[in-house]
C-alpha cells in the first residue's frame, strides 16, 4: 500500500468511525429529550430531518434494525408535529 492509498483508506475509516459515533449518540439524544434537558427546537436546528431519513434508509439496507427503531422513535417524537 502506497502513501496515497493509505491516506484515502484512513479517511474512509475516519468517516465510518464518525458515522458510528453519530448513530450511537442518538440514544443519548432521545434520552435527554425525554428527560427535558434538551429542547425540540435545538434538535431540529442541529439535525435536519432529511439527514435522519437518509441515514434510516442506509441502516435499513445494512439490516441494522435496532438502530432503525431508534431513529424511527426520534423522527416520531421530535419531528412529527
Protein backbone atom coordinates (compact mmCIF):
# COMPACT_ATOMS: atom_id res chain seq x y z
CA UNK A 1 0.00 0.00 0.00
CA UNK A 2 1.50 3.30 -1.03
CA UNK A 3 1.11 6.53 0.99
CA UNK A 4 -1.73 7.85 -1.16
CA UNK A 5 -3.76 4.64 -0.77
CA UNK A 6 -3.16 4.73 2.99
CA UNK A 7 -4.35 8.34 3.15
CA UNK A 8 -7.64 7.52 1.40
CA UNK A 9 -8.09 4.31 3.40
CA UNK A 10 -7.54 6.25 6.62
CA UNK A 11 -10.06 8.92 5.54
CA UNK A 12 -12.67 6.21 4.87
CA UNK A 13 -12.05 4.66 8.29
CA UNK A 14 -12.44 8.06 9.98
CA UNK A 15 -15.76 8.68 8.19
CA UNK A 16 -17.07 5.26 9.17
CA UNK A 17 -15.95 5.79 12.76
CA UNK A 18 -17.62 9.21 12.95
CA UNK A 19 -20.81 7.74 11.46
CA UNK A 20 -20.88 5.06 14.15
CA UNK A 21 -20.35 7.62 16.90
CA UNK A 22 -23.20 9.68 15.48
CA UNK A 23 -25.51 6.67 15.42
CA UNK A 24 -24.61 5.72 18.99
CA UNK A 25 -25.24 9.28 20.21
CA UNK A 26 -28.88 9.18 19.07
CA UNK A 27 -29.80 7.08 22.10
CA UNK A 28 -28.35 9.74 24.38
CA UNK A 29 -30.15 12.47 22.43
CA UNK A 30 -33.53 10.76 22.76
CA UNK A 31 -32.94 10.15 26.47
CA UNK A 32 -32.10 13.84 27.01
CA UNK A 33 -35.20 14.86 25.09
CA UNK A 34 -37.40 12.54 27.19
CA UNK A 35 -35.92 13.96 30.42
CA UNK A 36 -36.43 17.52 29.18
CA UNK A 37 -32.77 18.54 29.22
CA UNK A 38 -32.71 19.33 25.50
CA UNK A 39 -35.38 21.14 23.55
CA UNK A 40 -37.09 20.01 20.38
CA UNK A 41 -36.11 23.23 18.64
CA UNK A 42 -32.42 22.67 19.42
CA UNK A 43 -32.50 19.18 17.96
CA UNK A 44 -34.37 20.19 14.81
CA UNK A 45 -31.97 23.09 14.23
CA UNK A 46 -28.89 20.90 14.61
CA UNK A 47 -30.06 17.77 12.79
CA UNK A 48 -32.14 18.22 9.62
CA UNK A 49 -34.96 15.72 9.28
CA UNK A 50 -33.84 14.76 5.77
CA UNK A 51 -30.43 13.64 7.09
CA UNK A 52 -32.14 11.30 9.55
CA UNK A 53 -34.37 9.87 6.83
CA UNK A 54 -31.36 9.19 4.60
CA UNK A 55 -29.49 7.57 7.48
CA UNK A 56 -32.56 5.46 8.28
CA UNK A 57 -32.61 4.16 4.69
CA UNK A 58 -28.89 3.34 4.84
CA UNK A 59 -29.28 1.47 8.12
CA UNK A 60 -32.26 -0.43 6.76
CA UNK A 61 -30.19 -1.55 3.77
CA UNK A 62 -27.48 -2.70 6.19
CA UNK A 63 -30.16 -4.56 8.22
CA UNK A 64 -29.35 -2.70 11.45
CA UNK A 65 -32.90 -2.77 12.70
CA UNK A 66 -32.22 -1.79 16.34
CA UNK A 67 -30.65 1.46 15.14
CA UNK A 68 -33.52 1.92 12.69
CA UNK A 69 -36.01 1.63 15.55
CA UNK A 70 -34.13 4.31 17.50
CA UNK A 71 -34.12 6.69 14.55
CA UNK A 72 -37.81 6.00 13.95
CA UNK A 73 -38.53 6.90 17.59
CA UNK A 74 -36.62 10.16 17.17
CA UNK A 75 -38.50 11.00 13.99
CA UNK A 76 -41.85 10.17 15.59
CA UNK A 77 -41.28 12.02 18.89
CA UNK A 78 -39.36 15.05 17.72
CA UNK A 79 -40.04 15.73 14.06
CA UNK A 80 -43.71 14.79 13.91
CA UNK A 81 -45.99 17.64 14.94
